[in-house]
Amino acid sequence: IERNRNGSLRRQKAPGSEIQTPSPGKCKEKRVATFLSIHNRLLMRGSRVVIPKKLQRDVLDQLHLGHQ
């Protein structure tokens, strides 16, 4: 509790209370995580292989080498 400039009292927010945590049904990461699995050392999302953004160009280049 603190005083306003006019002298009246007001309740002060607790530190960190402005941080909102998403509800479980609304968080995209949590929804995706329910579909993730590891199969033969590969990260899978359902039947798809998950390739991190940083590696996507390299993987694509390697895949195209087989066509040349």
N, C-alpha and C. Protein backbone atom coordinates (compact mmCIF):
# COMPACT_ATOMS: atom_id res chain seq x y z
N ILE A 1 0.86 -1.18 0.00
CA ILE A 1 0.00 0.00 0.00
C ILE A 1 0.90 1.22 0.00
N GLU A 2 0.51 2.21 -0.80
CA GLU A 2 1.27 3.46 -0.84
C GLU A 2 0.29 4.63 -0.95
N ARG A 3 0.83 5.82 -0.76
CA ARG A 3 -0.01 7.01 -0.82
C ARG A 3 0.10 7.68 -2.18
N ASN A 4 -1.05 8.15 -2.69
CA ASN A 4 -1.07 8.96 -3.90
C ASN A 4 -0.58 10.35 -3.57
N ARG A 5 -0.40 11.18 -4.56
CA ARG A 5 0.05 12.57 -4.33
C ARG A 5 -0.95 13.36 -3.50
N ASN A 6 -2.22 13.00 -3.63
CA ASN A 6 -3.24 13.73 -2.86
C ASN A 6 -3.38 13.21 -1.43
N GLY A 7 -2.57 12.19 -1.07
CA GLY A 7 -2.59 11.68 0.29
C GLY A 7 -3.46 10.46 0.51
N SER A 8 -4.29 10.10 -0.46
CA SER A 8 -5.13 8.91 -0.28
C SER A 8 -4.29 7.65 -0.47
N LEU A 9 -4.75 6.57 0.13
CA LEU A 9 -4.01 5.31 0.04
C LEU A 9 -4.45 4.52 -1.19
N ARG A 10 -3.51 3.80 -1.77
CA ARG A 10 -3.85 2.89 -2.86
C ARG A 10 -2.99 1.64 -2.73
N ARG A 11 -3.54 0.55 -3.20
CA ARG A 11 -2.83 -0.73 -3.14
C ARG A 11 -1.81 -0.79 -4.28
N GLN A 12 -0.61 -1.18 -3.94
CA GLN A 12 0.46 -1.31 -4.93
C GLN A 12 0.48 -2.74 -5.45
N LYS A 13 0.74 -2.91 -6.74
CA LYS A 13 0.81 -4.25 -7.32
C LYS A 13 2.04 -4.98 -6.81
N ALA A 14 1.90 -6.26 -6.61
CA ALA A 14 3.04 -7.08 -6.20
C ALA A 14 4.03 -7.18 -7.35
N PRO A 15 5.33 -7.21 -7.05
CA PRO A 15 6.32 -7.35 -8.12
C PRO A 15 6.05 -8.60 -8.95
N GLY A 16 6.08 -8.43 -10.27
CA GLY A 16 5.85 -9.55 -11.16
C GLY A 16 4.39 -9.83 -11.45
N SER A 17 3.47 -9.09 -10.81
CA SER A 17 2.05 -9.37 -11.03
C SER A 17 1.59 -8.93 -12.41
N GLU A 18 2.37 -8.09 -13.08
CA GLU A 18 1.98 -7.66 -14.43
C GLU A 18 2.33 -8.70 -15.49
N ILE A 19 3.09 -9.70 -15.11
CA ILE A 19 3.45 -10.77 -16.04
C ILE A 19 2.31 -11.77 -16.08
N GLN A 20 1.79 -12.00 -17.26
CA GLN A 20 0.69 -12.93 -17.40
C GLN A 20 1.20 -14.25 -17.97
N THR A 21 0.77 -15.33 -17.39
CA THR A 21 1.14 -16.64 -17.92
C THR A 21 -0.03 -17.13 -18.76
N PRO A 22 0.25 -17.65 -19.94
CA PRO A 22 -0.84 -18.10 -20.81
C PRO A 22 -1.53 -19.33 -20.24
N SER A 23 -2.80 -19.42 -20.51
CA SER A 23 -3.52 -20.62 -20.06
C SER A 23 -3.09 -21.79 -20.94
N PRO A 24 -3.08 -23.01 -20.41
CA PRO A 24 -2.57 -24.16 -21.15
C PRO A 24 -3.19 -24.36 -22.52
N GLY A 25 -4.47 -24.08 -22.69
CA GLY A 25 -5.13 -24.28 -23.97
C GLY A 25 -4.78 -23.22 -25.00
N LYS A 26 -4.19 -22.11 -24.59
CA LYS A 26 -3.92 -21.00 -25.49
C LYS A 26 -2.48 -20.94 -25.97
N CYS A 27 -1.59 -21.67 -25.37
CA CYS A 27 -0.17 -21.56 -25.68
C CYS A 27 0.19 -22.48 -26.84
N LYS A 28 0.64 -21.89 -27.95
CA LYS A 28 0.97 -22.67 -29.15
C LYS A 28 2.06 -23.70 -28.86
N GLU A 29 3.08 -23.32 -28.11
CA GLU A 29 4.18 -24.24 -27.82
C GLU A 29 3.68 -25.48 -27.09
N LYS A 30 2.78 -25.29 -26.17
CA LYS A 30 2.27 -26.44 -25.41
C LYS A 30 1.43 -27.35 -26.31
N ARG A 31 0.66 -26.74 -27.23
CA ARG A 31 -0.14 -27.56 -28.15
C ARG A 31 0.76 -28.36 -29.07
N VAL A 32 1.82 -27.73 -29.58
CA VAL A 32 2.75 -28.42 -30.47
C VAL A 32 3.50 -29.51 -29.71
N ALA A 33 3.88 -29.22 -28.48
CA ALA A 33 4.65 -30.19 -27.69
C ALA A 33 3.90 -31.50 -27.50
N THR A 34 2.60 -31.46 -27.52
CA THR A 34 1.85 -32.69 -27.35
C THR A 34 1.98 -33.61 -28.56
N PHE A 35 2.41 -33.09 -29.71
CA PHE A 35 2.56 -33.89 -30.92
C PHE A 35 4.01 -34.30 -31.18
N LEU A 36 4.95 -33.82 -30.37
CA LEU A 36 6.36 -34.10 -30.61
C LEU A 36 6.77 -35.45 -30.04
N SER A 37 7.65 -36.13 -30.78
CA SER A 37 8.20 -37.40 -30.30
C SER A 37 9.58 -37.59 -30.92
N ILE A 38 10.32 -38.54 -30.41
CA ILE A 38 11.63 -38.87 -30.98
C ILE A 38 11.54 -40.29 -31.51
N HIS A 39 11.94 -40.46 -32.77
CA HIS A 39 11.90 -41.77 -33.42
C HIS A 39 13.21 -41.95 -34.17
N ASN A 40 13.98 -42.98 -33.82
CA ASN A 40 15.29 -43.23 -34.45
C ASN A 40 16.17 -41.98 -34.42
N ARG A 41 16.21 -41.32 -33.27
CA ARG A 41 17.03 -40.12 -33.02
C ARG A 41 16.58 -38.91 -33.85
N LEU A 42 15.38 -38.93 -34.41
CA LEU A 42 14.82 -37.79 -35.14
C LEU A 42 13.68 -37.19 -34.34
N LEU A 43 13.62 -35.86 -34.31
CA LEU A 43 12.51 -35.18 -33.67
C LEU A 43 11.36 -35.16 -34.67
N MET A 44 10.23 -35.70 -34.25
CA MET A 44 9.08 -35.83 -35.13
C MET A 44 7.90 -35.03 -34.60
N ARG A 45 7.10 -34.51 -35.51
CA ARG A 45 5.81 -33.90 -35.17
C ARG A 45 4.77 -34.67 -35.98
N GLY A 46 4.19 -35.64 -35.34
CA GLY A 46 3.31 -36.56 -36.06
C GLY A 46 4.17 -37.40 -36.99
N SER A 47 3.89 -37.35 -38.30
CA SER A 47 4.68 -38.11 -39.27
C SER A 47 5.74 -37.26 -39.96
N ARG A 48 5.93 -36.02 -39.52
CA ARG A 48 6.88 -35.09 -40.14
C ARG A 48 8.15 -34.96 -39.30
N VAL A 49 9.28 -34.85 -39.99
CA VAL A 49 10.55 -34.61 -39.31
C VAL A 49 10.64 -33.12 -39.01
N VAL A 50 11.03 -32.77 -37.79
CA VAL A 50 11.19 -31.37 -37.40
C VAL A 50 12.64 -30.97 -37.63
N ILE A 51 12.84 -29.93 -38.44
CA ILE A 51 14.19 -29.43 -38.73
C ILE A 51 14.26 -28.00 -38.22
N PRO A 52 15.20 -27.70 -37.30
CA PRO A 52 15.32 -26.34 -36.78
C PRO A 52 15.58 -25.34 -37.90
N LYS A 53 15.05 -24.13 -37.74
CA LYS A 53 15.20 -23.08 -38.77
C LYS A 53 16.64 -22.91 -39.21
N LYS A 54 17.57 -22.91 -38.26
CA LYS A 54 18.98 -22.68 -38.58
C LYS A 54 19.54 -23.76 -39.50
N LEU A 55 18.96 -24.94 -39.49
CA LEU A 55 19.48 -26.05 -40.29
C LEU A 55 18.68 -26.31 -41.56
N GLN A 56 17.56 -25.65 -41.75
CA GLN A 56 16.69 -25.94 -42.88
C GLN A 56 17.38 -25.74 -44.23
N ARG A 57 18.14 -24.67 -44.41
CA ARG A 57 18.82 -24.41 -45.67
C ARG A 57 19.84 -25.52 -45.94
N ASP A 58 20.63 -25.89 -44.94
CA ASP A 58 21.64 -26.95 -45.11
C ASP A 58 20.99 -28.28 -45.48
N VAL A 59 19.90 -28.62 -44.80
CA VAL A 59 19.22 -29.88 -45.08
C VAL A 59 18.65 -29.86 -46.50
N LEU A 60 18.06 -28.75 -46.90
CA LEU A 60 17.52 -28.63 -48.25
C LEU A 60 18.62 -28.79 -49.30
N ASP A 61 19.76 -28.14 -49.06
CA ASP A 61 20.90 -28.27 -49.98
C ASP A 61 21.36 -29.72 -50.09
N GLN A 62 21.42 -30.42 -48.96
CA GLN A 62 21.83 -31.82 -48.96
C GLN A 62 20.83 -32.69 -49.73
N LEU A 63 19.56 -32.41 -49.55
CA LEU A 63 18.53 -33.17 -50.27
C LEU A 63 18.63 -32.95 -51.77
N HIS A 64 18.95 -31.72 -52.18
CA HIS A 64 19.05 -31.41 -53.61
C HIS A 64 20.30 -32.02 -54.25
N LEU A 65 21.32 -32.31 -53.45
CA LEU A 65 22.52 -32.95 -54.00
C LEU A 65 22.19 -34.31 -54.62
N GLY A 66 21.22 -34.98 -54.07
CA GLY A 66 20.81 -36.28 -54.60
C GLY A 66 20.17 -36.21 -55.98
N HIS A 67 19.72 -35.03 -56.39
CA HIS A 67 19.06 -34.85 -57.69
C HIS A 67 20.05 -34.49 -58.79
N GLN A 68 21.26 -34.15 -58.44
CA GLN A 68 22.21 -33.65 -59.44
C GLN A 68 23.01 -34.75 -60.07
